[in-house]
């Protein structure tokens, strides 16, 4: 069995995440990909993400009915920041016979050596770089490449300015963002 693990804050999950997940599923012939939203990313401690329950709802709404694409609230149920090493160890125990792949964004490559127990992590899982067109030079890991220009920060900025995010996120995510008044500029 081949399983892809896709961690991140997913604030919000958007079509770029879904396109890369589907591409990885097909190109790597994976049995499944599991979205694993972070409760608190150790690398984003200075920002306060959208409440995890809402991010979880957005993920479930986006992958509803998608064969082979799953989600697991494992990290959301932990107290404190989640380290990739601990998460991968959890899945290694849960699926002892599976071949595990952990997806990282190209923008995480330069900080990889600062990751908790990175060398041990590399022995537990195959790291795969998700590249949306930013990569240059050689990368020491397998790569999934799909060119697109959608980012969660751009989506948050567009919402704050009152601009449309249609076609950037799935309709249920657009609806949840409106309903929960996410990414609005704080009024003083």
Foldseek 3Di string as FASTA:
>chain_A
DEEEEEEEQPLPPWVLNVVLLVLCCVVVVGQAYEYEYAQAAPVPNPDDGDHPVLNVVQVCVQCPPPHRYHYDPVNNPDPDGDAPQVVLVVVCVVCVPYAYEYEDEPVCVVVQVVGDPSVVSVVSHAYEYEYQPPDDDDDPGHYRYHHDDADSVVVLVCVQVVHDCPPTHDVVSSVSCVVVVPSHPDDD
